[in-house]
């Protein structure tokens, strides 16, 4: 997780994961705008078409039954 502090008074404003954040400091009133310069690309869970995937165990059981 990334810690976010005010650019003016250094008060901790937030902690977490973000791509873009606008937050006003309650102590000094400074508007802090931050964004990630190189966000990680979205994860691709499975890009393989279904027809090319190996059969699941439930399909194997159905095929082996007489």
Protein backbone atom coordinates (compact mmCIF):
# COMPACT_ATOMS: atom_id res chain seq x y z
CA UNK A 1 0.00 0.00 0.00
CA UNK A 2 1.08 3.52 -0.70
CA UNK A 3 1.00 6.25 1.92
CA UNK A 4 -0.30 9.69 0.85
CA UNK A 5 0.92 12.81 2.67
CA UNK A 6 0.09 16.47 2.22
CA UNK A 7 2.64 18.25 0.03
CA UNK A 8 2.44 21.35 2.24
CA UNK A 9 2.29 20.21 5.89
CA UNK A 10 3.23 16.51 5.51
CA UNK A 11 0.12 15.26 7.34
CA UNK A 12 -0.83 11.67 6.49
CA UNK A 13 -4.01 11.86 4.40
CA UNK A 14 -4.56 8.32 3.16
CA UNK A 15 -3.09 4.89 2.63
CA UNK A 16 -4.03 2.51 -0.15
CA UNK A 17 -3.84 1.67 -3.82
CA UNK A 18 -4.96 4.27 -6.32
CA UNK A 19 -4.53 5.43 -9.90
CA UNK A 20 -5.70 9.01 -9.41
CA UNK A 21 -6.48 10.86 -6.19
CA UNK A 22 -7.62 14.39 -5.31
CA UNK A 23 -7.77 15.05 -1.58
CA UNK A 24 -7.97 18.24 0.46
CA UNK A 25 -5.89 18.39 3.62
CA UNK A 26 -8.11 19.06 6.65
CA UNK A 27 -5.20 20.70 8.52
CA UNK A 28 -3.91 23.31 6.04
CA UNK A 29 -6.53 23.22 3.24
CA UNK A 30 -4.08 22.35 0.44
CA UNK A 31 -5.62 20.44 -2.47
CA UNK A 32 -3.35 17.47 -3.18
CA UNK A 33 -3.67 15.87 -6.64
CA UNK A 34 -1.78 12.66 -7.33
CA UNK A 35 -1.80 10.01 -10.01
CA UNK A 36 0.24 6.98 -10.92
CA UNK A 37 2.66 7.66 -13.79
CA UNK A 38 2.94 4.05 -15.03
CA UNK A 39 -0.04 2.01 -13.81
CA UNK A 40 0.36 -1.73 -14.10
CA UNK A 41 -1.56 -3.22 -17.01
CA UNK A 42 -4.80 -5.03 -16.18
CA UNK A 43 -4.34 -8.72 -15.44
CA UNK A 44 -5.59 -11.14 -18.06
CA UNK A 45 -6.91 -14.19 -16.24
CA UNK A 46 -7.29 -16.49 -19.23
CA UNK A 47 -6.95 -15.33 -22.81
CA UNK A 48 -7.05 -18.85 -24.25
CA UNK A 49 -10.30 -19.64 -26.17
CA UNK A 50 -12.50 -22.28 -24.56
CA UNK A 51 -12.19 -24.70 -27.48
CA UNK A 52 -8.39 -24.89 -26.92
CA UNK A 53 -8.56 -25.48 -23.15
CA UNK A 54 -7.99 -28.91 -21.66
CA UNK A 55 -11.23 -30.61 -20.57
CA UNK A 56 -12.12 -30.20 -16.92
CA UNK A 57 -12.36 -33.18 -14.58
CA UNK A 58 -16.19 -33.00 -14.61
CA UNK A 59 -16.17 -33.38 -18.41
CA UNK A 60 -13.84 -36.38 -18.17
CA UNK A 61 -16.17 -38.12 -15.74
CA UNK A 62 -19.15 -37.57 -18.04
CA UNK A 63 -17.23 -38.98 -21.02
CA UNK A 64 -16.11 -42.11 -19.16
CA UNK A 65 -19.62 -43.10 -18.08
CA UNK A 66 -21.26 -45.76 -20.31
